[in-house]
Structure formats: C-alpha cells, structure tokens
C-alpha atoms as a PDB file:
ATOM      1  CA  UNK A   1     -36.487  68.666   2.341  1.00  0.00           C
ATOM      2  CA  UNK A   2     -36.684  64.904   2.783  1.00  0.00           C
ATOM      3  CA  UNK A   3     -38.609  63.202   5.518  1.00  0.00           C
ATOM      4  CA  UNK A   4     -37.476  59.922   7.014  1.00  0.00           C
ATOM      5  CA  UNK A   5     -39.473  57.402   8.946  1.00  0.00           C
ATOM      6  CA  UNK A   6     -38.659  57.085  12.581  1.00  0.00           C
ATOM      7  CA  UNK A   7     -35.839  54.666  13.232  1.00  0.00           C
ATOM      8  CA  UNK A   8     -34.435  54.678   9.718  1.00  0.00           C
ATOM      9  CA  UNK A   9     -31.673  56.830   8.481  1.00  0.00           C
ATOM     10  CA  UNK A  10     -30.077  56.856   5.050  1.00  0.00           C
ATOM     11  CA  UNK A  11     -26.856  55.379   6.444  1.00  0.00           C
ATOM     12  CA  UNK A  12     -28.475  52.314   8.134  1.00  0.00           C
ATOM     13  CA  UNK A  13     -31.326  51.602   5.748  1.00  0.00           C
ATOM     14  CA  UNK A  14     -30.825  48.373   3.668  1.00  0.00           C
ATOM     15  CA  UNK A  15     -27.880  46.990   5.661  1.00  0.00           C
ATOM     16  CA  UNK A  16     -27.926  43.592   7.456  1.00  0.00           C
ATOM     17  CA  UNK A  17     -30.645  40.987   7.790  1.00  0.00           C
ATOM     18  CA  UNK A  18     -33.774  40.992   9.811  1.00  0.00           C
ATOM     19  CA  UNK A  19     -34.391  38.309  12.401  1.00  0.00           C
ATOM     20  CA  UNK A  20     -37.135  36.779  10.226  1.00  0.00           C
ATOM     21  CA  UNK A  21     -34.748  36.492   7.265  1.00  0.00           C
ATOM     22  CA  UNK A  22     -32.122  34.802   9.460  1.00  0.00           C
ATOM     23  CA  UNK A  23     -34.650  32.274  10.830  1.00  0.00           C
ATOM     24  CA  UNK A  24     -35.850  31.443   7.301  1.00  0.00           C
ATOM     25  CA  UNK A  25     -32.274  30.853   6.127  1.00  0.00           C
ATOM     26  CA  UNK A  26     -31.517  28.602   9.136  1.00  0.00           C
ATOM     27  CA  UNK A  27     -34.714  26.591   8.559  1.00  0.00           C
ATOM     28  CA  UNK A  28     -33.878  26.138   4.861  1.00  0.00           C
ATOM     29  CA  UNK A  29     -30.319  25.050   5.701  1.00  0.00           C
ATOM     30  CA  UNK A  30     -31.715  22.549   8.217  1.00  0.00           C
ATOM     31  CA  UNK A  31     -34.057  21.095   5.592  1.00  0.00           C
ATOM     32  CA  UNK A  32     -31.217  20.817   3.068  1.00  0.00           C
ATOM     33  CA  UNK A  33     -29.012  19.090   5.663  1.00  0.00           C
ATOM     34  CA  UNK A  34     -31.804  16.675   6.626  1.00  0.00           C
ATOM     35  CA  UNK A  35     -32.348  15.727   2.978  1.00  0.00           C
ATOM     36  CA  UNK A  36     -28.684  15.771   1.937  1.00  0.00           C
ATOM     37  CA  UNK A  37     -27.141  13.810   4.825  1.00  0.00           C
ATOM     38  CA  UNK A  38     -28.820  10.460   3.978  1.00  0.00           C
ATOM     39  CA  UNK A  39     -27.902  10.896   0.320  1.00  0.00           C
ATOM     40  CA  UNK A  40     -24.252  11.470   1.231  1.00  0.00           C
ATOM     41  CA  UNK A  41     -24.288   8.529   3.670  1.00  0.00           C
ATOM     42  CA  UNK A  42     -25.808   6.240   1.004  1.00  0.00           C
ATOM     43  CA  UNK A  43     -23.184   7.380  -1.484  1.00  0.00           C
ATOM     44  CA  UNK A  44     -20.410   6.556   0.972  1.00  0.00           C
ATOM     45  CA  UNK A  45     -21.967   3.157   1.722  1.00  0.00           C
ATOM     46  CA  UNK A  46     -22.140   2.340  -1.990  1.00  0.00           C
ATOM     47  CA  UNK A  47     -18.505   3.398  -2.443  1.00  0.00           C
ATOM     48  CA  UNK A  48     -17.348   1.135   0.413  1.00  0.00           C
ATOM     49  CA  UNK A  49     -19.445  -1.817  -0.789  1.00  0.00           C
ATOM     50  CA  UNK A  50     -18.204  -1.448  -4.349  1.00  0.00           C
ATOM     51  CA  UNK A  51     -14.591  -1.091  -3.223  1.00  0.00           C
ATOM     52  CA  UNK A  52     -14.631  -4.176  -1.007  1.00  0.00           C
ATOM     53  CA  UNK A  53     -16.483  -6.174  -3.674  1.00  0.00           C
ATOM     54  CA  UNK A  54     -13.865  -5.242  -6.246  1.00  0.00           C
ATOM     55  CA  UNK A  55     -11.113  -6.219  -3.810  1.00  0.00           C
ATOM     56  CA  UNK A  56     -12.708  -9.642  -3.311  1.00  0.00           C
ATOM     57  CA  UNK A  57     -13.102 -10.170  -7.057  1.00  0.00           C
ATOM     58  CA  UNK A  58      -9.506  -9.075  -7.615  1.00  0.00           C
ATOM     59  CA  UNK A  59      -8.292 -11.608  -5.029  1.00  0.00           C
ATOM     60  CA  UNK A  60     -10.412 -14.304  -6.694  1.00  0.00           C
ATOM     61  CA  UNK A  61      -8.994 -13.579 -10.134  1.00  0.00           C
ATOM     62  CA  UNK A  62      -5.413 -13.543  -8.828  1.00  0.00           C
ATOM     63  CA  UNK A  63      -5.798 -16.762  -6.814  1.00  0.00           C
ATOM     64  CA  UNK A  64      -7.543 -18.640  -9.638  1.00  0.00           C
ATOM     65  CA  UNK A  65      -5.005 -17.600 -12.260  1.00  0.00           C
ATOM     66  CA  UNK A  66      -2.084 -18.464  -9.993  1.00  0.00           C
ATOM     67  CA  UNK A  67      -3.511 -21.877  -9.051  1.00  0.00           C
ATOM     68  CA  UNK A  68      -4.307 -22.693 -12.692  1.00  0.00           C
ATOM     69  CA  UNK A  69      -0.787 -21.740 -13.768  1.00  0.00           C
ATOM     70  CA  UNK A  70       0.770 -23.955 -11.098  1.00  0.00           C
ATOM     71  CA  UNK A  71      -1.573 -26.914 -11.649  1.00  0.00           C
ATOM     72  CA  UNK A  72      -0.805 -26.959 -15.385  1.00  0.00           C
ATOM     73  CA  UNK A  73       2.760 -27.873 -14.445  1.00  0.00           C
ATOM     74  CA  UNK A  74       1.972 -31.081 -12.501  1.00  0.00           C
ATOM     75  CA  UNK A  75       4.602 -33.683 -13.395  1.00  0.00           C
ATOM     76  CA  UNK A  76       3.606 -36.886 -15.145  1.00  0.00           C
ATOM     77  CA  UNK A  77       5.252 -40.003 -13.619  1.00  0.00           C
ATOM     78  CA  UNK A  78       4.834 -42.754 -16.148  1.00  0.00           C
ATOM     79  CA  UNK A  79       1.087 -42.882 -16.692  1.00  0.00           C
ATOM     80  CA  UNK A  80      -0.043 -40.975 -13.559  1.00  0.00           C
ATOM     81  CA  UNK A  81       0.347 -37.439 -12.373  1.00  0.00           C
ATOM     82  CA  UNK A  82       2.400 -36.689  -9.283  1.00  0.00           C
ATOM     83  CA  UNK A  83      -0.388 -35.174  -7.169  1.00  0.00           C
ATOM     84  CA  UNK A  84      -1.229 -36.182  -3.601  1.00  0.00           C
ATOM     85  CA  UNK A  85      -4.946 -36.039  -2.921  1.00  0.00           C
ATOM     86  CA  UNK A  86      -8.365 -34.914  -3.982  1.00  0.00           C
ATOM     87  CA  UNK A  87      -8.875 -32.860  -0.811  1.00  0.00           C
ATOM     88  CA  UNK A  88      -6.883 -30.053   0.788  1.00  0.00           C
ATOM     89  CA  UNK A  89      -4.064 -29.744   1.456  1.00  0.00           C
ATOM     90  CA  UNK A  90      -2.915 -30.826  -1.995  1.00  0.00           C
ATOM     91  CA  UNK A  91       0.741 -31.482  -2.671  1.00  0.00           C
ATOM     92  CA  UNK A  92       2.192 -32.014  -6.130  1.00  0.00           C
ATOM     93  CA  UNK A  93       5.484 -31.932  -7.954  1.00  0.00           C
ATOM     94  CA  UNK A  94       5.917 -29.653 -10.951  1.00  0.00           C
ATOM     95  CA  UNK A  95       7.721 -30.607 -14.141  1.00  0.00           C
ATOM     96  CA  UNK A  96      10.864 -28.807 -12.920  1.00  0.00           C
ATOM     97  CA  UNK A  97      10.869 -30.833  -9.651  1.00  0.00           C
ATOM     98  CA  UNK A  98       9.488 -28.087  -7.394  1.00  0.00           C
ATOM     99  CA  UNK A  99       7.166 -29.431  -4.683  1.00  0.00           C
ATOM    100  CA  UNK A 100       4.063 -27.278  -4.302  1.00  0.00           C
ATOM    101  CA  UNK A 101       1.480 -27.399  -1.503  1.00  0.00           C
ATOM    102  CA  UNK A 102      -1.943 -25.731  -1.694  1.00  0.00           C
ATOM    103  CA  UNK A 103      -3.769 -25.323   1.616  1.00  0.00           C
ATOM    104  CA  UNK A 104      -6.714 -23.489   3.114  1.00  0.00           C
ATOM    105  CA  UNK A 105      -6.379 -22.469   6.764  1.00  0.00           C
ATOM    106  CA  UNK A 106      -9.283 -20.411   8.053  1.00  0.00           C
ATOM    107  CA  UNK A 107      -9.843 -17.888   5.269  1.00  0.00           C
ATOM    108  CA  UNK A 108      -6.212 -17.908   4.090  1.00  0.00           C
ATOM    109  CA  UNK A 109      -5.601 -19.718   0.825  1.00  0.00           C
ATOM    110  CA  UNK A 110      -1.870 -20.472   0.675  1.00  0.00           C
ATOM    111  CA  UNK A 111       0.536 -21.829  -1.851  1.00  0.00           C
ATOM    112  CA  UNK A 112       3.880 -23.077  -0.545  1.00  0.00           C
ATOM    113  CA  UNK A 113       7.106 -23.814  -2.400  1.00  0.00           C
ATOM    114  CA  UNK A 114       9.204 -25.445   0.284  1.00  0.00           C
ATOM    115  CA  UNK A 115      10.123 -22.644   2.715  1.00  0.00           C
ATOM    116  CA  UNK A 116       8.422 -19.927   0.651  1.00  0.00           C
ATOM    117  CA  UNK A 117       4.742 -19.360   1.429  1.00  0.00           C
ATOM    118  CA  UNK A 118       2.351 -16.958  -0.303  1.00  0.00           C
ATOM    119  CA  UNK A 119      -1.194 -16.063   0.729  1.00  0.00           C
ATOM    120  CA  UNK A 120      -3.271 -15.977  -2.451  1.00  0.00           C
ATOM    121  CA  UNK A 121      -6.405 -14.747  -0.679  1.00  0.00           C
ATOM    122  CA  UNK A 122      -7.442 -13.893   2.862  1.00  0.00           C
ATOM    123  CA  UNK A 123     -11.155 -14.212   2.042  1.00  0.00           C
ATOM    124  CA  UNK A 124     -11.332 -17.833   0.854  1.00  0.00           C
ATOM    125  CA  UNK A 125     -14.216 -19.908   2.152  1.00  0.00           C
ATOM    126  CA  UNK A 126     -13.839 -23.043   0.017  1.00  0.00           C
ATOM    127  CA  UNK A 127     -11.583 -24.628  -2.574  1.00  0.00           C
ATOM    128  CA  UNK A 128     -12.348 -27.918  -4.277  1.00  0.00           C
ATOM    129  CA  UNK A 129     -10.408 -29.780  -6.934  1.00  0.00           C
ATOM    130  CA  UNK A 130     -12.049 -32.440  -9.106  1.00  0.00           C
ATOM    131  CA  UNK A 131      -9.953 -34.628 -11.376  1.00  0.00           C
ATOM    132  CA  UNK A 132     -11.627 -35.697 -14.620  1.00  0.00           C
ATOM    133  CA  UNK A 133     -10.433 -37.603 -17.653  1.00  0.00           C
ATOM    134  CA  UNK A 134     -11.161 -36.895 -21.310  1.00  0.00           C
ATOM    135  CA  UNK A 135     -14.552 -38.654 -21.281  1.00  0.00           C
ATOM    136  CA  UNK A 136     -15.646 -36.712 -18.174  1.00  0.00           C
ATOM    137  CA  UNK A 137     -15.260 -39.445 -15.566  1.00  0.00           C
ATOM    138  CA  UNK A 138     -13.800 -38.447 -12.211  1.00  0.00           C
ATOM    139  CA  UNK A 139     -10.412 -40.109 -12.112  1.00  0.00           C
ATOM    140  CA  UNK A 140      -7.615 -39.365  -9.670  1.00  0.00           C
ATOM    141  CA  UNK A 141      -5.303 -41.915 -11.258  1.00  0.00           C
ATOM    142  CA  UNK A 142      -5.236 -40.566 -14.800  1.00  0.00           C
ATOM    143  CA  UNK A 143      -6.857 -37.112 -15.035  1.00  0.00           C
ATOM    144  CA  UNK A 144      -6.800 -34.918 -18.118  1.00  0.00           C
ATOM    145  CA  UNK A 145      -8.312 -31.913 -16.349  1.00  0.00           C
ATOM    146  CA  UNK A 146      -8.489 -30.453 -12.882  1.00  0.00           C
ATOM    147  CA  UNK A 147     -11.731 -28.607 -12.230  1.00  0.00           C
ATOM    148  CA  UNK A 148     -11.005 -25.889  -9.719  1.00  0.00           C
ATOM    149  CA  UNK A 149     -13.838 -24.276  -7.747  1.00  0.00           C
ATOM    150  CA  UNK A 150     -12.884 -21.345  -5.533  1.00  0.00           C
ATOM    151  CA  UNK A 151     -15.321 -19.522  -3.246  1.00  0.00           C
ATOM    152  CA  UNK A 152     -14.519 -16.244  -1.511  1.00  0.00           C
ATOM    153  CA  UNK A 153     -16.638 -14.481   1.105  1.00  0.00           C
ATOM    154  CA  UNK A 154     -16.450 -10.734   1.637  1.00  0.00           C
ATOM    155  CA  UNK A 155     -16.375 -10.158   5.402  1.00  0.00           C
ATOM    156  CA  UNK A 156     -17.562  -6.543   5.092  1.00  0.00           C
ATOM    157  CA  UNK A 157     -20.626  -7.070   2.908  1.00  0.00           C
ATOM    158  CA  UNK A 158     -21.281 -10.774   3.486  1.00  0.00           C
ATOM    159  CA  UNK A 159     -21.357 -11.362  -0.280  1.00  0.00           C
ATOM    160  CA  UNK A 160     -20.059 -14.688  -1.551  1.00  0.00           C
ATOM    161  CA  UNK A 161     -18.417 -15.211  -4.934  1.00  0.00           C
ATOM    162  CA  UNK A 162     -17.565 -18.495  -6.666  1.00  0.00           C
ATOM    163  CA  UNK A 163     -15.412 -19.105  -9.712  1.00  0.00           C
ATOM    164  CA  UNK A 164     -15.015 -22.402 -11.560  1.00  0.00           C
ATOM    165  CA  UNK A 165     -12.011 -23.000 -13.802  1.00  0.00           C
ATOM    166  CA  UNK A 166     -10.971 -26.042 -15.803  1.00  0.00           C
ATOM    167  CA  UNK A 167      -7.215 -26.577 -15.971  1.00  0.00           C
ATOM    168  CA  UNK A 168      -5.894 -28.744 -18.781  1.00  0.00           C
ATOM    169  CA  UNK A 169      -2.905 -30.705 -17.576  1.00  0.00           C
ATOM    170  CA  UNK A 170       0.196 -30.626 -19.716  1.00  0.00           C
ATOM    171  CA  UNK A 171       2.152 -33.741 -20.690  1.00  0.00           C
ATOM    172  CA  UNK A 172      -0.994 -35.557 -21.868  1.00  0.00           C
END
C-alpha cells in the first residue's frame, strides 16, 4: 500500500506551475524586455540614419553626375563659352542649341530645358560654380574647367555632405 501526502494525488502531482515559478518567469521576462527594448530602438535608429544618409548621398551622386554631363556640353561661341553667370541661376546653351538653366530654390536643385524641369535633389543647401582656365586663374571669359561644389543637408539627421567635381569643358 502506498501512502500519499495530504493534498497531493498521483493525478495532480507535477502538473502546472506554482505561483513562485510564475512570478520568477514574469520578473525574468521584465528584465529581458528592459534590456532588449533599448537595443532594438538603437538598431532601428541606426537603420533610419543609415537609410536617410544613403538617400542623401545617392541624390548627391545623381545631381553631380547630371550637372557635370550637362556642363561638358556648353557651346563655344568664337573664343568664349555661351554661359550666363558665375552665380545661380546659371543659363547656358549646349552644343546642340538646347538652352539649359540650373537653379536652386529653397532646397530644390533644378535643371530646366525650356518647358521641361527636373528636380535633381530636394536636399541641396548650396551650389557654387567656379570657372578656371588652364593655368588655374579664375576666368569667366575663357574657362577651361568648371569647378562644381554641391552641398546637401539631410533634414532627418542634420548631416551635411559636400562634393567637389571638376568638369572639363569640351571644344577647347
């Protein structure tokens, strides 16, 4: 004959959790959540920062390449290039006769071909063009190069990026 302790029977013994076990599990889950939540939040913050930074750099690369490609095509009229000014907006005529206008309004860097307008970047903070000749002297009348400096500011992170590009004019 088997004897059982009071309150325990073979059918109920070993089933379920005690209140102490449940409290320990809840406390451990709370500790894991308290430690894990900041790590997850930091991971999300890094992902957003990286994504917006890459978007800004992508816009910078696109805008710089597009501007350089267009500026290479400035038409030569006699001994001077057909370009309007050293400051924005800049208007010039390409070799094929197309009139191009580059402007910066707010943070929108635009390039216009008559009635067609394209926003190259919506994060631009500055664009400068410097005209230099072969010996390195700044010369609007007879440049050999256009030094392009484009700055973009990421509104989400506040980071600022600058890219400098030298464009060699064709028809030298």
